[in-house]
Structure formats: C-alpha cells, structure tokens
Amino acid sequence: MIRANEDIEAAQIMAGHKNISTTEIYAKKDDAKGDAVALKYE
C-alpha cells in the first residue's frame, strides 16, 4: 500500500529493507498507475 500511495523508496524505508531489490520482491507494483499513464497519453 505504501508503494502505491508514495513510492518504492518509502516502502523500502518502512519495511526496513537494506536493498531496494528486496522491496521490489515484496511490494507489489501498482498496475493502476500504469493504466492511468497509458490513458493520459492515448
């Protein structure tokens, strides 16, 4: 939820991960953001 509402770095800090690659495994991407960008430039 933090990654979706803030960014990956905020999710990393809140999760206490040393490496952002760990956060990328556990914090799912927000597909809605990609959809919104696609619609914006359609």
PDB file of N, CA and C in Angstrom:
ATOM      1  N   MET A   1       0.826  -1.180   0.000  1.00  0.00           N
ATOM      2  CA  MET A   1       0.000   0.000   0.000  1.00  0.00           C
ATOM      3  C   MET A   1       0.878   1.255   0.000  1.00  0.00           C
ATOM      4  N   ILE A   2       1.984   1.218   0.721  1.00  0.00           N
ATOM      5  CA  ILE A   2       2.868   2.389   0.759  1.00  0.00           C
ATOM      6  C   ILE A   2       3.461   2.649  -0.615  1.00  0.00           C
ATOM      7  N   ARG A   3       3.871   1.599  -1.298  1.00  0.00           N
ATOM      8  CA  ARG A   3       4.454   1.786  -2.632  1.00  0.00           C
ATOM      9  C   ARG A   3       3.431   2.410  -3.574  1.00  0.00           C
ATOM     10  N   ALA A   4       2.182   2.000  -3.479  1.00  0.00           N
ATOM     11  CA  ALA A   4       1.140   2.527  -4.363  1.00  0.00           C
ATOM     12  C   ALA A   4       0.837   3.989  -4.071  1.00  0.00           C
ATOM     13  N   ASN A   5       0.866   4.369  -2.805  1.00  0.00           N
ATOM     14  CA  ASN A   5       0.485   5.728  -2.429  1.00  0.00           C
ATOM     15  C   ASN A   5       1.650   6.698  -2.328  1.00  0.00           C
ATOM     16  N   GLU A   6       2.834   6.177  -2.169  1.00  0.00           N
ATOM     17  CA  GLU A   6       4.032   7.025  -2.041  1.00  0.00           C
ATOM     18  C   GLU A   6       5.000   6.658  -3.158  1.00  0.00           C
ATOM     19  N   ASP A   7       6.020   5.887  -2.834  1.00  0.00           N
ATOM     20  CA  ASP A   7       6.955   5.398  -3.845  1.00  0.00           C
ATOM     21  C   ASP A   7       7.733   4.221  -3.280  1.00  0.00           C
ATOM     22  N   ILE A   8       8.573   3.630  -4.114  1.00  0.00           N
ATOM     23  CA  ILE A   8       9.314   2.433  -3.717  1.00  0.00           C
ATOM     24  C   ILE A   8      10.281   2.728  -2.578  1.00  0.00           C
ATOM     25  N   GLU A   9      10.876   3.911  -2.579  1.00  0.00           N
ATOM     26  CA  GLU A   9      11.825   4.259  -1.523  1.00  0.00           C
ATOM     27  C   GLU A   9      11.126   4.346  -0.169  1.00  0.00           C
ATOM     28  N   ALA A  10       9.938   4.911  -0.139  1.00  0.00           N
ATOM     29  CA  ALA A  10       9.181   4.984   1.114  1.00  0.00           C
ATOM     30  C   ALA A  10       8.833   3.581   1.603  1.00  0.00           C
ATOM     31  N   ALA A  11       8.468   2.710   0.689  1.00  0.00           N
ATOM     32  CA  ALA A  11       8.159   1.323   1.055  1.00  0.00           C
ATOM     33  C   ALA A  11       9.387   0.619   1.605  1.00  0.00           C
ATOM     34  N   GLN A  12      10.547   0.884   0.992  1.00  0.00           N
ATOM     35  CA  GLN A  12      11.797   0.286   1.459  1.00  0.00           C
ATOM     36  C   GLN A  12      12.094   0.719   2.888  1.00  0.00           C
ATOM     37  N   ILE A  13      11.968   1.995   3.149  1.00  0.00           N
ATOM     38  CA  ILE A  13      12.261   2.523   4.484  1.00  0.00           C
ATOM     39  C   ILE A  13      11.310   1.939   5.522  1.00  0.00           C
ATOM     40  N   MET A  14      10.031   1.932   5.205  1.00  0.00           N
ATOM     41  CA  MET A  14       9.034   1.430   6.158  1.00  0.00           C
ATOM     42  C   MET A  14       9.202  -0.067   6.430  1.00  0.00           C
ATOM     43  N   ALA A  15       9.629  -0.813   5.411  1.00  0.00           N
ATOM     44  CA  ALA A  15       9.822  -2.253   5.578  1.00  0.00           C
ATOM     45  C   ALA A  15      11.147  -2.587   6.245  1.00  0.00           C
ATOM     46  N   GLY A  16      12.058  -1.617   6.255  1.00  0.00           N
ATOM     47  CA  GLY A  16      13.361  -1.855   6.867  1.00  0.00           C
ATOM     48  C   GLY A  16      14.301  -2.672   6.000  1.00  0.00           C
ATOM     49  N   HIS A  17      14.069  -2.651   4.694  1.00  0.00           N
ATOM     50  CA  HIS A  17      14.937  -3.398   3.786  1.00  0.00           C
ATOM     51  C   HIS A  17      16.212  -2.618   3.492  1.00  0.00           C
ATOM     52  N   LYS A  18      17.325  -3.309   3.529  1.00  0.00           N
ATOM     53  CA  LYS A  18      18.605  -2.681   3.226  1.00  0.00           C
ATOM     54  C   LYS A  18      18.738  -2.401   1.730  1.00  0.00           C
ATOM     55  N   ASN A  19      18.269  -3.328   0.919  1.00  0.00           N
ATOM     56  CA  ASN A  19      18.366  -3.207  -0.534  1.00  0.00           C
ATOM     57  C   ASN A  19      16.983  -3.021  -1.150  1.00  0.00           C
ATOM     58  N   ILE A  20      16.892  -2.115  -2.098  1.00  0.00           N
ATOM     59  CA  ILE A  20      15.614  -1.853  -2.758  1.00  0.00           C
ATOM     60  C   ILE A  20      15.133  -3.064  -3.546  1.00  0.00           C
ATOM     61  N   SER A  21      16.063  -3.911  -3.963  1.00  0.00           N
ATOM     62  CA  SER A  21      15.670  -5.116  -4.700  1.00  0.00           C
ATOM     63  C   SER A  21      14.808  -6.034  -3.838  1.00  0.00           C
ATOM     64  N   THR A  22      15.037  -6.043  -2.543  1.00  0.00           N
ATOM     65  CA  THR A  22      14.202  -6.828  -1.628  1.00  0.00           C
ATOM     66  C   THR A  22      12.799  -6.255  -1.596  1.00  0.00           C
ATOM     67  N   THR A  23      12.695  -4.952  -1.531  1.00  0.00           N
ATOM     68  CA  THR A  23      11.391  -4.298  -1.509  1.00  0.00           C
ATOM     69  C   THR A  23      10.629  -4.588  -2.790  1.00  0.00           C
ATOM     70  N   GLU A  24      11.336  -4.601  -3.920  1.00  0.00           N
ATOM     71  CA  GLU A  24      10.686  -4.880  -5.197  1.00  0.00           C
ATOM     72  C   GLU A  24      10.063  -6.270  -5.238  1.00  0.00           C
ATOM     73  N   ILE A  25      10.601  -7.203  -4.476  1.00  0.00           N
ATOM     74  CA  ILE A  25      10.051  -8.557  -4.405  1.00  0.00           C
ATOM     75  C   ILE A  25       8.741  -8.554  -3.624  1.00  0.00           C
ATOM     76  N   TYR A  26       8.707  -7.849  -2.500  1.00  0.00           N
ATOM     77  CA  TYR A  26       7.578  -7.926  -1.588  1.00  0.00           C
ATOM     78  C   TYR A  26       6.514  -6.854  -1.780  1.00  0.00           C
ATOM     79  N   ALA A  27       6.874  -5.705  -2.322  1.00  0.00           N
ATOM     80  CA  ALA A  27       5.912  -4.615  -2.521  1.00  0.00           C
ATOM     81  C   ALA A  27       5.420  -4.662  -3.962  1.00  0.00           C
ATOM     82  N   LYS A  28       4.185  -5.082  -4.143  1.00  0.00           N
ATOM     83  CA  LYS A  28       3.641  -5.228  -5.491  1.00  0.00           C
ATOM     84  C   LYS A  28       3.551  -3.891  -6.212  1.00  0.00           C
ATOM     85  N   LYS A  29       3.723  -3.951  -7.510  1.00  0.00           N
ATOM     86  CA  LYS A  29       3.580  -2.760  -8.342  1.00  0.00           C
ATOM     87  C   LYS A  29       2.114  -2.376  -8.415  1.00  0.00           C
ATOM     88  N   ASP A  30       1.870  -1.104  -8.585  1.00  0.00           N
ATOM     89  CA  ASP A  30       0.518  -0.585  -8.709  1.00  0.00           C
ATOM     90  C   ASP A  30       0.164  -0.485 -10.187  1.00  0.00           C
ATOM     91  N   ASP A  31      -0.520  -1.487 -10.698  1.00  0.00           N
ATOM     92  CA  ASP A  31      -0.869  -1.507 -12.114  1.00  0.00           C
ATOM     93  C   ASP A  31      -1.783  -0.347 -12.502  1.00  0.00           C
ATOM     94  N   ALA A  32      -2.541   0.163 -11.557  1.00  0.00           N
ATOM     95  CA  ALA A  32      -3.443   1.276 -11.832  1.00  0.00           C
ATOM     96  C   ALA A  32      -2.656   2.517 -12.261  1.00  0.00           C
ATOM     97  N   LYS A  33      -1.463   2.707 -11.711  1.00  0.00           N
ATOM     98  CA  LYS A  33      -0.630   3.851 -12.115  1.00  0.00           C
ATOM     99  C   LYS A  33      -0.250   3.735 -13.581  1.00  0.00           C
ATOM    100  N   GLY A  34       0.133   2.562 -14.009  1.00  0.00           N
ATOM    101  CA  GLY A  34       0.478   2.336 -15.413  1.00  0.00           C
ATOM    102  C   GLY A  34      -0.720   2.554 -16.315  1.00  0.00           C
ATOM    103  N   ASP A  35      -1.875   2.088 -15.886  1.00  0.00           N
ATOM    104  CA  ASP A  35      -3.095   2.278 -16.669  1.00  0.00           C
ATOM    105  C   ASP A  35      -3.424   3.758 -16.799  1.00  0.00           C
ATOM    106  N   ALA A  36      -3.273   4.503 -15.721  1.00  0.00           N
ATOM    107  CA  ALA A  36      -3.574   5.941 -15.741  1.00  0.00           C
ATOM    108  C   ALA A  36      -2.642   6.668 -16.691  1.00  0.00           C
ATOM    109  N   VAL A  37      -1.369   6.309 -16.713  1.00  0.00           N
ATOM    110  CA  VAL A  37      -0.419   6.947 -17.618  1.00  0.00           C
ATOM    111  C   VAL A  37      -0.756   6.591 -19.062  1.00  0.00           C
ATOM    112  N   ALA A  38      -1.103   5.351 -19.308  1.00  0.00           N
ATOM    113  CA  ALA A  38      -1.450   4.928 -20.666  1.00  0.00           C
ATOM    114  C   ALA A  38      -2.660   5.711 -21.177  1.00  0.00           C
ATOM    115  N   LEU A  39      -3.652   5.885 -20.345  1.00  0.00           N
ATOM    116  CA  LEU A  39      -4.841   6.634 -20.744  1.00  0.00           C
ATOM    117  C   LEU A  39      -4.523   8.102 -20.984  1.00  0.00           C
ATOM    118  N   LYS A  40      -3.618   8.630 -20.214  1.00  0.00           N
ATOM    119  CA  LYS A  40      -3.240  10.037 -20.330  1.00  0.00           C
ATOM    120  C   LYS A  40      -2.619  10.332 -21.690  1.00  0.00           C
ATOM    121  N   TYR A  41      -1.836   9.396 -22.207  1.00  0.00           N
ATOM    122  CA  TYR A  41      -1.111   9.616 -23.451  1.00  0.00           C
ATOM    123  C   TYR A  41      -1.721   8.862 -24.630  1.00  0.00           C
ATOM    124  N   GLU A  42      -2.915   8.393 -24.466  1.00  0.00           N
ATOM    125  CA  GLU A  42      -3.597   7.631 -25.506  1.00  0.00           C
ATOM    126  C   GLU A  42      -4.000   8.498 -26.671  1.00  0.00           C
TER     127      GLU A  42
END
